[in-house]
Structures are given as structure tokens and as C-alpha cells.
């Protein structure tokens, strides 16, 4: 009898305990669901307020897809986007594979693999990976050489273009063949590609570029030469966020045979260089680590091309990966809002309040920038509008003043306008043309108008002086 009572008590306790556990799991599932519902609502608001034509996001842990959604013109999360510099992490994985096979030595000079490399006997493979070899930000495979202090981080696409050439040299395959065979196919990344043809075949989404606050559909500017500023190894892979989520799971699972956990550790933490920025970070091999002011370290890399942006995150302590892609490049406004959006999602995952993106931010920021560009254009066009009055304003005793005015206003000023971007922003005009075309058009057109008007004024002034001189002779 006592044994029966004891057995009944145990059974009741087991039932109660089971109910408690199930209840707690149920509450946890609801909480998780509510969290991602909140993320979804946040993204819907952000996409609308930031005027993003299409956005895709996938959040994973090491085994499962926790959240996957798309917004705007994106039909599903298998839709490929151009990744920009997120491509660099794929290239770094390729290098680490070849390191593990003994085909590449990270501390070897790159001249060992590329005998004709400029300054190749002074730069190591490791320095290419973390951008500490001293190469310049806007250099290409045609003109690269050391211009910065080595061991300091100077971000440059050409580093990863060179890594692409090294991969080809030691593997005997093209970069596209190697990354497809050794990363895309083993991970079953069926919507990821390294060429324009394959990207289009996979359903590559259309891109947009901003012109004075108006987003214009624009074809993707794929590299046409290995000497382009952005090559496939540096920034022109395409992928869907579902594929990127699978790619991030590879890291979360210690490499899954693609690379070793030791190689991942080296990529993330062992060969990092500190970078002083608005938010300081450590840059490793295709990944940056941000620590403060976050509650836990976050690994990330962003990407930008002429027609889109992307960002991937790994929260190693939480075991979560996040991939976000968009199909618009609006350098001064939407891109900053996209960065804020990405960090907003991470903050939510860390249990903090996300960055707020209000409905008037886009309009106000563009209004400020457009007014500046309008002012520059007005300064350039007004003298042309007043040309009919210019000759009437000429007086015989104003020759020197008129000449000085023409030189300053129509020759020195347009040169100054043309130099604003290269000198003050340290960006060549050809980069501005690709990434901020409205700014490029404004400064080039304004400078041309000022210069042409100056030529016309000079001709008018010469004719006036000639007529005045003839009238003096005639009177004599």
C-alpha cells in the first residue's frame, strides 16, 4: 500500500514537472516568436521610411533558420543580390583552405606566388587579408604599389583582387571555378555565383542608384576586366540571404569541413589589426569585430556596390548569424539608414532598443544635400543667365577689375569645385561618378557652365576693348 502511494506520488510529480517544462518551453517559443514579430515590424517600418526598394534578411543559429523575410520588390529570400565587400570573406575562406593544404603560407611574400607583383617582396599574404600591406584605397591591379605605412589598416579592394590572383595561381583554377567548387557546391549555395551570367541565371534582382533623392533602376556594373577597381574576389559575388544564412552556419558549426575551426579562429581573432573609427573595431581576414559599446562582441562585414548594399553579422557568444541585403545605393542617405537598420536588428537580438528610423529622416537628409547641390548649380548658372547684361555693364575704366573677376569666378572657382571631392573627401572623380552620380553630375556640370561662361565673357570683353580702342583712334 505504501509502495503504491509512493509510486502515485512520483507519477504525479513527474506529470507536474513535465507540465511545467512544457509550459516553460511554450512560453519560450511564444517569446521567441514575439521577438521576431517585433523584428519584422521594425524592418517593415525601416524599409518604408528609408525608401529601400527591396530588402531580404535571414537569421540563423547553427542548426536552424530562426527568421527569414523579404520586403518591397523582393519575392523571396532565395533572390540573389550583389554582395559588394561581403565577398571578401568568401575569398578569405578560399585562402585558408589553400593554407591548410600547404599551398599558401600566410607569412610568405606575395612575390612567391605572383613573381611580377609590384612591391611583391615587401607584402605578405596575411597583410593582403587584413589590409596592412600599405596599398592604396583606389588602386587597381594596373597601378598598385605601397603608398601607406605597412602594419596599419588601409582598406583597399586591390588586396583581395591580388588574393584572387594568388588563388588562381596555386590552384590552377579560375577564381570563379575555385570558389564554386570549394564553397558554393559543398554548402549547397544554389543561389550564389561569382559571374554575371550565373548571377542573372539565378534570378539576380534589379539594382537602383539615387539621383537627388530619386531612385533610378540601373544595371549592375559587373567588372569587365581583372583590372577593375572592384573585382569578383573583392566585391562582386552575388547571393541570397538564405544562402548567406547557410554560409554563416558554416562558421557557427566550426567550419563543417570547408575550413578548420582553427582557421576560423585565425580569421576572426588571431591576425586582427585595431582600427580607430567612429566605433573602433578589429579587422581580421574578411571580418571585423566590434566590441564596445555592445553587450557581447559582434563580427560583421558590410558591402557596397553601385546598385546595392549588404551586411553579415555573427554573434559568436549567442550562436547567431544575420544576413541582410538591399538593392539600392544612396550613398549619403539610404546607405547610412541601412547601416543603422542592420545594427538595429543586432541590438534587438541583444535585448536592447533598436536604432530609430523616422519617416522624415529620408526627406530631411536629402533636402539638405540637394539644397547644397542646388546652391552650387545656381552659382554656376546665374552668370550665364545675366550674359545679355554683361556687355552693358562694361566700362572703359573697369578693365582690370573685369579681368580679375573672370579669372577668379570662371577659372579658379570651377577648378576649386572640381577638386572638392578629390581633395576634401580624398575620392577620385571616377569613384564619385560610380557611387554618387548626382554629386558628380552637379560638380562637373557646374564647373563646365562657369568655365564656358568665362570664355564667353572673355570674348565679349576683348571685343569691347577692341571697339573702344578703335573708337579712340577714330576720334584722333
Protein backbone atom coordinates (compact mmCIF):
# COMPACT_ATOMS: atom_id res chain seq x y z
CA UNK A 1 0.00 0.00 0.00
CA UNK A 2 2.79 2.38 0.94
CA UNK A 3 4.63 1.45 -2.28
CA UNK A 4 1.50 2.30 -4.31
CA UNK A 5 1.15 5.69 -2.61
CA UNK A 6 4.84 6.36 -3.17
CA UNK A 7 4.54 5.36 -6.83
CA UNK A 8 1.44 7.53 -7.28
CA UNK A 9 3.22 10.49 -5.72
CA UNK A 10 6.21 10.03 -8.04
CA UNK A 11 3.94 9.79 -11.09
CA UNK A 12 2.03 12.93 -10.06
CA UNK A 13 5.32 14.80 -9.53
CA UNK A 14 6.60 13.66 -12.93
CA UNK A 15 3.36 14.82 -14.59
CA UNK A 16 3.50 18.18 -12.84
CA UNK A 17 7.19 18.61 -13.69
CA UNK A 18 6.50 17.71 -17.31
CA UNK A 19 3.69 20.27 -17.45
CA UNK A 20 5.99 22.93 -16.02
CA UNK A 21 8.73 22.12 -18.54
CA UNK A 22 6.28 22.11 -21.44
CA UNK A 23 4.78 25.35 -20.21
CA UNK A 24 8.19 26.99 -19.96
CA UNK A 25 9.12 25.76 -23.44
CA UNK A 26 5.83 27.05 -24.76
CA UNK A 27 6.38 30.43 -23.15
CA UNK A 28 9.90 30.48 -24.57
CA UNK A 29 8.60 29.70 -28.05
CA UNK A 30 5.98 32.43 -27.82
CA UNK A 31 8.57 34.90 -26.57
CA UNK A 32 10.87 33.96 -29.44
CA UNK A 33 8.01 34.31 -31.90
CA UNK A 34 7.09 37.68 -30.44
CA UNK A 35 10.69 38.84 -30.72
CA UNK A 36 10.86 38.04 -34.41
CA UNK A 37 7.45 39.54 -34.96
CA UNK A 38 8.88 42.70 -33.44
CA UNK A 39 11.89 42.43 -35.76
CA UNK A 40 9.53 42.04 -38.70
CA UNK A 41 7.51 45.10 -37.71
CA UNK A 42 10.72 47.08 -37.20
CA UNK A 43 12.01 46.13 -40.65
CA UNK A 44 8.72 46.91 -42.36
CA UNK A 45 8.82 50.40 -40.89
CA UNK A 46 12.51 50.90 -41.70
CA UNK A 47 12.21 49.74 -45.31
CA UNK A 48 9.35 52.15 -45.89
CA UNK A 49 10.97 55.10 -44.11
CA UNK A 50 14.39 54.54 -45.71
CA UNK A 51 12.84 54.18 -49.20
CA UNK A 52 14.53 50.81 -49.81
CA UNK A 53 13.13 49.20 -53.00
CA UNK A 54 13.88 45.63 -51.83
CA UNK A 55 15.38 44.08 -48.71
CA UNK A 56 15.97 40.47 -47.70
CA UNK A 57 17.02 39.15 -44.30
CA UNK A 58 17.81 35.74 -42.83
CA UNK A 59 18.68 35.00 -39.20
CA UNK A 60 20.10 31.60 -38.25
CA UNK A 61 21.61 29.65 -35.40
CA UNK A 62 23.97 26.76 -36.07
CA UNK A 63 21.15 24.35 -36.93
CA UNK A 64 18.03 26.29 -37.87
CA UNK A 65 16.68 29.31 -39.70
CA UNK A 66 15.21 31.46 -36.94
CA UNK A 67 13.73 34.17 -39.14
CA UNK A 68 13.67 34.83 -42.87
CA UNK A 69 11.71 37.52 -44.65
CA UNK A 70 11.81 39.90 -47.60
CA UNK A 71 10.29 43.30 -48.25
CA UNK A 72 9.42 45.52 -51.19
CA UNK A 73 10.23 44.19 -54.65
CA UNK A 74 11.95 41.04 -53.35
CA UNK A 75 9.79 37.96 -53.99
CA UNK A 76 11.57 35.52 -51.66
CA UNK A 77 14.76 35.03 -49.69
CA UNK A 78 16.28 32.91 -52.46
CA UNK A 79 16.58 36.05 -54.61
CA UNK A 80 20.26 36.92 -55.21
CA UNK A 81 21.70 40.39 -54.56
CA UNK A 82 25.18 41.67 -55.42
CA UNK A 83 27.16 41.44 -52.17
CA UNK A 84 29.90 44.03 -52.52
CA UNK A 85 32.69 43.58 -49.97
CA UNK A 86 30.89 40.78 -48.13
CA UNK A 87 32.52 38.79 -50.97
CA UNK A 88 35.88 39.29 -49.23
CA UNK A 89 35.03 36.76 -46.51
CA UNK A 90 34.46 34.09 -49.19
CA UNK A 91 37.86 34.91 -50.69
CA UNK A 92 39.45 34.68 -47.24
CA UNK A 93 37.93 31.21 -46.76
CA UNK A 94 39.41 30.13 -50.12
CA UNK A 95 42.83 31.33 -48.98
CA UNK A 96 42.55 29.50 -45.64
CA UNK A 97 41.61 26.28 -47.46
CA UNK A 98 44.79 26.54 -49.51
CA UNK A 99 46.78 27.36 -46.36
CA UNK A 100 45.51 24.14 -44.78
CA UNK A 101 46.57 22.24 -47.92
CA UNK A 102 50.07 23.69 -47.65
CA UNK A 103 49.76 25.59 -50.94
CA UNK A 104 49.85 29.06 -49.38
CA UNK A 105 51.95 30.36 -46.50
CA UNK A 106 50.33 33.36 -44.81
CA UNK A 107 53.70 34.86 -43.89
CA UNK A 108 55.22 34.36 -47.33
CA UNK A 109 55.78 37.37 -49.57
CA UNK A 110 53.28 37.54 -52.41
CA UNK A 111 56.12 37.57 -54.95
CA UNK A 112 56.48 33.84 -54.19
CA UNK A 113 53.11 33.32 -55.90
CA UNK A 114 52.99 36.33 -58.22
CA UNK A 115 56.61 36.94 -59.36
CA UNK A 116 55.71 40.14 -61.21
CA UNK A 117 53.73 41.69 -58.34
CA UNK A 118 54.62 45.32 -57.66
CA UNK A 119 56.33 45.56 -54.25
CA UNK A 120 55.64 41.83 -54.02
CA UNK A 121 58.81 41.23 -52.00
CA UNK A 122 57.54 43.61 -49.29
CA UNK A 123 53.94 42.42 -48.78
CA UNK A 124 52.80 39.14 -47.21
CA UNK A 125 49.62 37.19 -47.90
CA UNK A 126 48.47 37.91 -44.35
CA UNK A 127 48.86 41.65 -44.97
CA UNK A 128 46.61 41.41 -48.01
CA UNK A 129 43.96 39.66 -45.92
CA UNK A 130 43.82 42.32 -43.18
CA UNK A 131 44.70 45.32 -45.40
CA UNK A 132 48.02 46.13 -43.72
CA UNK A 133 50.32 45.87 -46.74
CA UNK A 134 50.30 49.61 -47.44
CA UNK A 135 48.35 49.55 -50.72
CA UNK A 136 46.04 52.46 -51.61
CA UNK A 137 42.27 52.52 -51.36
CA UNK A 138 41.65 53.43 -55.00
CA UNK A 139 44.40 51.38 -56.63
CA UNK A 140 43.76 48.54 -59.10
CA UNK A 141 45.82 45.65 -60.42
CA UNK A 142 47.16 48.05 -63.06
CA UNK A 143 48.66 50.65 -60.73
CA UNK A 144 49.02 49.27 -57.19
CA UNK A 145 52.10 49.90 -55.05
CA UNK A 146 52.87 50.70 -51.43
CA UNK A 147 51.84 54.24 -50.53
CA UNK A 148 50.77 53.84 -46.89
CA UNK A 149 52.55 52.76 -43.74
CA UNK A 150 52.62 48.99 -43.52
CA UNK A 151 51.18 47.23 -40.44
CA UNK A 152 48.45 49.90 -40.32
CA UNK A 153 44.96 49.13 -41.67
CA UNK A 154 44.27 50.86 -45.00
CA UNK A 155 41.22 49.27 -46.63
CA UNK A 156 41.79 48.59 -50.33
CA UNK A 157 39.91 46.38 -52.80
CA UNK A 158 43.14 45.64 -54.65
CA UNK A 159 44.30 43.50 -51.69
CA UNK A 160 41.54 40.99 -52.42
CA UNK A 161 41.97 41.29 -56.18
CA UNK A 162 45.56 40.14 -55.59
CA UNK A 163 44.34 37.31 -53.34
CA UNK A 164 42.08 36.21 -56.18
CA UNK A 165 45.12 36.04 -58.48
CA UNK A 166 47.05 34.02 -55.86
CA UNK A 167 44.16 31.56 -55.52
CA UNK A 168 44.17 31.10 -59.29
CA UNK A 169 47.95 30.66 -59.40
CA UNK A 170 48.24 27.97 -56.73
CA UNK A 171 45.01 26.09 -57.52
CA UNK A 172 45.24 26.07 -61.30
CA UNK A 173 41.58 27.14 -61.49
CA UNK A 174 39.95 30.45 -62.20
CA UNK A 175 38.69 32.23 -59.09
CA UNK A 176 35.11 31.61 -60.19
CA UNK A 177 35.74 27.88 -60.65
CA UNK A 178 37.58 27.55 -57.36
CA UNK A 179 35.04 29.32 -55.13
CA UNK A 180 32.17 27.48 -56.82
CA UNK A 181 33.75 24.05 -56.47
CA UNK A 182 35.09 24.51 -52.93
CA UNK A 183 32.48 26.67 -51.18
CA UNK A 184 29.25 27.12 -53.14
CA UNK A 185 28.71 23.49 -54.10
CA UNK A 186 29.73 21.79 -50.81
CA UNK A 187 27.43 24.12 -48.85
CA UNK A 188 24.66 23.78 -51.46
CA UNK A 189 24.57 27.54 -52.09
CA UNK A 190 22.42 27.21 -55.20
CA UNK A 191 21.64 30.92 -55.46
CA UNK A 192 25.22 32.15 -55.08
CA UNK A 193 27.50 32.93 -58.03
CA UNK A 194 30.82 34.53 -58.99
CA UNK A 195 29.95 35.65 -62.54
CA UNK A 196 27.36 37.95 -64.02
CA UNK A 197 25.96 35.20 -66.27
CA UNK A 198 25.38 32.80 -63.39
CA UNK A 199 24.00 35.58 -61.19
CA UNK A 200 21.43 36.51 -63.83
CA UNK A 201 20.55 32.84 -64.35
CA UNK A 202 19.93 32.59 -60.59
CA UNK A 203 17.42 35.47 -60.76
CA UNK A 204 19.61 38.43 -59.75
CA UNK A 205 17.42 41.30 -58.58
CA UNK A 206 17.50 44.68 -60.37
CA UNK A 207 19.52 47.43 -58.71
CA UNK A 208 18.88 51.12 -58.07
CA UNK A 209 21.04 54.22 -57.74
CA UNK A 210 19.98 57.51 -56.21
CA UNK A 211 19.84 60.77 -58.18
CA UNK A 212 18.90 63.77 -56.00
CA UNK A 213 16.58 61.66 -53.87
CA UNK A 214 15.03 59.80 -56.81
CA UNK A 215 15.90 56.12 -57.10
CA UNK A 216 16.55 55.11 -60.70
CA UNK A 217 16.76 51.50 -61.86
CA UNK A 218 20.27 50.80 -63.11
CA UNK A 219 22.02 47.74 -64.49
CA UNK A 220 24.65 46.18 -62.26
CA UNK A 221 28.17 47.32 -63.20
CA UNK A 222 29.92 43.95 -63.21
CA UNK A 223 33.70 44.07 -63.68
CA UNK A 224 34.65 43.82 -67.34
CA UNK A 225 38.36 43.41 -66.64
CA UNK A 226 40.56 41.87 -63.95
CA UNK A 227 41.98 45.38 -63.55
CA UNK A 228 38.67 46.95 -62.48
CA UNK A 229 38.57 48.66 -59.09
CA UNK A 230 36.07 46.11 -57.74
CA UNK A 231 36.68 42.57 -58.96
CA UNK A 232 34.75 39.39 -58.12
CA UNK A 233 37.09 38.35 -55.26
CA UNK A 234 36.85 41.84 -53.76
CA UNK A 235 33.17 42.57 -54.17
CA UNK A 236 31.16 41.05 -56.98
CA UNK A 237 29.83 37.75 -55.74
CA UNK A 238 26.04 37.50 -55.65
CA UNK A 239 23.97 35.57 -53.13
CA UNK A 240 20.57 35.27 -51.49
CA UNK A 241 20.12 35.73 -47.75
CA UNK A 242 19.00 32.11 -47.45
CA UNK A 243 22.35 31.07 -48.93
CA UNK A 244 24.19 33.57 -46.75
CA UNK A 245 22.43 32.12 -43.71
CA UNK A 246 23.72 28.68 -44.67
CA UNK A 247 27.19 30.18 -45.19
CA UNK A 248 27.09 31.75 -41.71
CA UNK A 249 26.06 28.40 -40.22
CA UNK A 250 29.32 27.00 -41.60
CA UNK A 251 31.21 29.36 -39.27
CA UNK A 252 28.88 28.67 -36.34
CA UNK A 253 29.49 24.92 -36.76
CA UNK A 254 33.27 25.20 -36.75
CA UNK A 255 33.83 25.06 -40.49
CA UNK A 256 31.91 21.88 -41.42
CA UNK A 257 34.94 20.54 -43.28
CA UNK A 258 35.12 23.61 -45.52
CA UNK A 259 37.83 25.04 -43.26
CA UNK A 260 39.00 24.07 -39.80
CA UNK A 261 37.86 25.70 -36.59
CA UNK A 262 41.49 26.81 -36.10
CA UNK A 263 41.36 28.66 -39.44
CA UNK A 264 38.12 30.37 -38.43
CA UNK A 265 39.71 31.42 -35.16
CA UNK A 266 42.65 32.89 -37.07
CA UNK A 267 40.34 34.72 -39.48
CA UNK A 268 38.28 36.22 -36.67
CA UNK A 269 40.75 36.88 -33.87
CA UNK A 270 44.41 35.92 -34.33
CA UNK A 271 45.66 38.28 -37.05
CA UNK A 272 43.50 41.31 -36.36
CA UNK A 273 44.52 44.95 -36.53
CA UNK A 274 42.92 47.70 -34.47
CA UNK A 275 41.09 50.36 -36.48
CA UNK A 276 40.20 53.71 -34.95
CA UNK A 277 36.82 54.81 -36.26
CA UNK A 278 33.55 56.33 -35.04
CA UNK A 279 33.04 52.90 -33.49
CA UNK A 280 36.52 51.29 -33.16
CA UNK A 281 36.89 47.74 -34.44
CA UNK A 282 39.44 44.99 -35.11
CA UNK A 283 39.84 43.80 -38.71
CA UNK A 284 40.91 40.22 -39.38
CA UNK A 285 40.62 38.17 -42.56
CA UNK A 286 37.46 39.39 -44.28
CA UNK A 287 35.73 40.06 -40.95
CA UNK A 288 35.67 42.94 -38.47
CA UNK A 289 34.99 42.60 -34.74
CA UNK A 290 33.10 45.30 -32.84
CA UNK A 291 33.22 45.03 -29.05
CA UNK A 292 32.17 48.18 -27.23
CA UNK A 293 29.62 49.52 -26.52
CA UNK A 294 27.86 46.21 -27.25
CA UNK A 295 26.97 43.69 -24.55
CA UNK A 296 28.83 41.00 -26.48
CA UNK A 297 31.33 41.08 -29.39
CA UNK A 298 29.84 41.15 -32.88
CA UNK A 299 31.61 40.07 -36.07
CA UNK A 300 30.49 41.82 -39.22
CA UNK A 301 31.31 42.93 -42.73
CA UNK A 302 29.35 45.27 -44.95
CA UNK A 303 29.29 45.53 -48.71
CA UNK A 304 28.58 48.29 -51.22
CA UNK A 305 28.38 48.38 -55.00
CA UNK A 306 26.90 50.96 -57.34
CA UNK A 307 23.46 49.32 -57.12
CA UNK A 308 23.13 47.80 -53.66
CA UNK A 309 24.38 47.16 -50.14
CA UNK A 310 24.71 44.15 -47.87
CA UNK A 311 25.81 43.22 -44.37
CA UNK A 312 26.51 39.99 -42.48
CA UNK A 313 26.83 39.58 -38.72
CA UNK A 314 27.90 36.79 -36.40
CA UNK A 315 27.20 36.84 -32.68
CA UNK A 316 29.61 34.08 -31.57
CA UNK A 317 28.53 34.04 -27.92
CA UNK A 318 24.84 33.83 -28.81
CA UNK A 319 25.50 31.48 -31.73
CA UNK A 320 23.50 33.59 -34.19
CA UNK A 321 24.20 34.76 -37.75
CA UNK A 322 22.38 37.55 -39.62
CA UNK A 323 22.45 38.39 -43.34
CA UNK A 324 20.81 41.49 -44.82
CA UNK A 325 20.82 42.63 -48.45
CA UNK A 326 19.29 45.58 -50.33
CA UNK A 327 19.23 46.62 -53.99
CA UNK A 328 19.85 50.37 -53.74
CA UNK A 329 22.89 52.61 -53.41
CA UNK A 330 22.04 56.01 -51.95
CA UNK A 331 25.44 56.90 -50.54
CA UNK A 332 24.66 59.79 -48.20
CA UNK A 333 21.17 58.88 -47.01
CA UNK A 334 19.72 55.37 -47.51
CA UNK A 335 23.10 53.67 -47.05
CA UNK A 336 23.51 55.27 -43.62
CA UNK A 337 19.95 54.31 -42.75
CA UNK A 338 20.67 50.76 -43.92
CA UNK A 339 23.68 50.62 -41.60
CA UNK A 340 21.52 51.88 -38.77
CA UNK A 341 18.85 49.29 -39.64
CA UNK A 342 21.36 46.43 -39.55
CA UNK A 343 22.68 47.44 -36.17
CA UNK A 344 19.09 47.94 -35.04
CA UNK A 345 18.37 44.25 -35.67
CA UNK A 346 21.52 43.25 -33.77
CA UNK A 347 20.57 45.45 -30.83
CA UNK A 348 17.15 43.79 -30.73
CA UNK A 349 18.76 40.34 -30.71
CA UNK A 350 20.91 41.50 -27.80
CA UNK A 351 17.80 42.59 -25.90
CA UNK A 352 18.31 46.31 -26.43
CA UNK A 353 16.28 49.04 -28.11
CA UNK A 354 16.88 49.34 -31.87
CA UNK A 355 18.01 52.45 -33.74
CA UNK A 356 15.04 54.56 -34.69
CA UNK A 357 14.49 55.43 -38.35
CA UNK A 358 11.73 58.00 -38.58
CA UNK A 359 9.54 58.70 -41.59
CA UNK A 360 11.02 62.18 -42.17
CA UNK A 361 14.72 61.25 -41.94
CA UNK A 362 14.99 60.39 -45.62
CA UNK A 363 13.29 63.58 -46.79
CA UNK A 364 15.18 65.92 -44.45
CA UNK A 365 18.60 64.43 -45.21
CA UNK A 366 18.03 64.54 -48.95
CA UNK A 367 16.63 68.05 -48.73
CA UNK A 368 19.81 69.23 -47.00
CA UNK A 369 22.11 67.58 -49.53
CA UNK A 370 20.01 68.61 -52.53
CA UNK A 371 19.94 72.24 -51.37
CA UNK A 372 23.75 72.25 -51.23
CA UNK A 373 23.97 70.86 -54.76
CA UNK A 374 21.29 73.31 -55.94
CA UNK A 375 23.25 76.21 -54.47
CA UNK A 376 26.38 75.13 -56.36
CA UNK A 377 24.40 74.85 -59.58
CA UNK A 378 22.72 78.24 -59.10
CA UNK A 379 26.11 79.89 -58.54
CA UNK A 380 27.21 78.39 -61.86
CA UNK A 381 24.13 79.17 -63.94
CA UNK A 382 23.40 82.75 -62.82
CA UNK A 383 26.31 84.36 -64.72
CA UNK A 384 25.09 82.62 -67.88
CA UNK A 385 21.59 83.99 -67.32
CA UNK A 386 22.94 87.51 -66.93
CA UNK A 387 25.20 87.41 -70.01
CA UNK A 388 22.94 89.77 -72.01
CA UNK A 389 23.52 92.43 -69.34
CA UNK A 390 27.26 91.79 -69.13
CA UNK A 391 28.29 93.90 -72.11
CA UNK A 392 26.10 96.78 -70.97
CA UNK A 393 27.85 96.73 -67.60
CA UNK A 394 31.30 97.17 -69.18
CA UNK A 395 33.04 100.49 -68.68
CA UNK A 396 36.35 101.67 -70.01
CA UNK A 397 37.86 102.17 -66.58
CA UNK A 398 36.94 98.70 -65.31
CA UNK A 399 39.28 96.60 -67.45
CA UNK A 400 41.46 95.26 -64.62
CA UNK A 401 38.55 94.56 -62.32
CA UNK A 402 36.64 92.69 -65.04
CA UNK A 403 39.67 90.58 -65.93
CA UNK A 404 40.27 89.67 -62.27
CA UNK A 405 36.57 88.84 -61.87
CA UNK A 406 36.64 86.48 -64.86
CA UNK A 407 39.82 84.73 -63.67
CA UNK A 408 38.54 84.20 -60.13
CA UNK A 409 34.90 83.40 -60.82
CA UNK A 410 35.17 81.45 -64.06
CA UNK A 411 38.54 79.75 -63.94
CA UNK A 412 39.68 79.41 -60.31
CA UNK A 413 36.20 78.67 -58.88
CA UNK A 414 35.36 75.79 -61.30
CA UNK A 415 38.75 74.23 -60.61
CA UNK A 416 38.04 74.50 -56.87
CA UNK A 417 34.62 72.86 -57.34
CA UNK A 418 36.19 70.00 -59.30
CA UNK A 419 38.76 69.48 -56.54
CA UNK A 420 36.27 69.36 -53.66
CA UNK A 421 35.71 65.59 -53.93
CA UNK A 422 39.31 64.51 -54.69
CA UNK A 423 40.94 66.84 -52.13
CA UNK A 424 38.48 67.21 -49.26
CA UNK A 425 36.89 63.73 -49.49
CA UNK A 426 40.02 62.03 -50.88
CA UNK A 427 37.94 60.27 -53.52
CA UNK A 428 38.71 60.31 -57.26
CA UNK A 429 36.03 61.72 -59.51
CA UNK A 430 35.66 58.36 -61.30
CA UNK A 431 34.61 56.81 -57.97
CA UNK A 432 32.16 59.67 -57.36
CA UNK A 433 30.71 59.10 -60.85
CA UNK A 434 30.00 55.46 -59.98
CA UNK A 435 28.77 55.79 -56.39
CA UNK A 436 27.38 59.34 -56.08
CA UNK A 437 26.43 60.18 -59.69
CA UNK A 438 24.21 63.12 -58.72
CA UNK A 439 27.12 64.81 -56.95
CA UNK A 440 29.40 64.05 -59.92
CA UNK A 441 26.91 65.50 -62.42
CA UNK A 442 26.36 68.59 -60.27
CA UNK A 443 30.04 69.48 -59.83
CA UNK A 444 31.08 68.66 -63.42
CA UNK A 445 28.12 70.48 -64.99
CA UNK A 446 28.51 73.49 -62.68
CA UNK A 447 32.24 73.73 -63.37
CA UNK A 448 31.65 73.42 -67.12
CA UNK A 449 28.99 76.17 -67.04
CA UNK A 450 31.28 78.51 -65.12
CA UNK A 451 34.18 77.84 -67.47
CA UNK A 452 32.13 78.24 -70.68
CA UNK A 453 30.53 81.44 -69.35
CA UNK A 454 34.03 82.71 -68.54
CA UNK A 455 35.14 82.04 -72.14
CA UNK A 456 32.11 83.92 -73.45
CA UNK A 457 32.75 86.84 -71.09
CA UNK A 458 36.39 86.94 -72.14
CA UNK A 459 35.39 87.14 -75.81
CA UNK A 460 32.86 89.90 -75.03
CA UNK A 461 35.46 91.81 -73.01
CA UNK A 462 38.10 91.53 -75.77
CA UNK A 463 35.62 92.75 -78.36
CA UNK A 464 34.58 95.63 -76.13
CA UNK A 465 38.18 96.69 -75.57
CA UNK A 466 38.89 96.38 -79.28
CA UNK A 467 35.88 98.54 -80.13
CA UNK A 468 36.86 101.06 -77.51
CA UNK A 469 40.40 101.20 -78.91
CA UNK A 470 39.10 101.71 -82.45
CA UNK A 471 36.79 104.48 -81.34
CA UNK A 472 39.74 106.26 -79.72
CA UNK A 473 41.78 106.03 -82.95
CA UNK A 474 38.84 107.22 -84.97
CA UNK A 475 38.32 110.22 -82.73
CA UNK A 476 42.04 111.08 -83.07
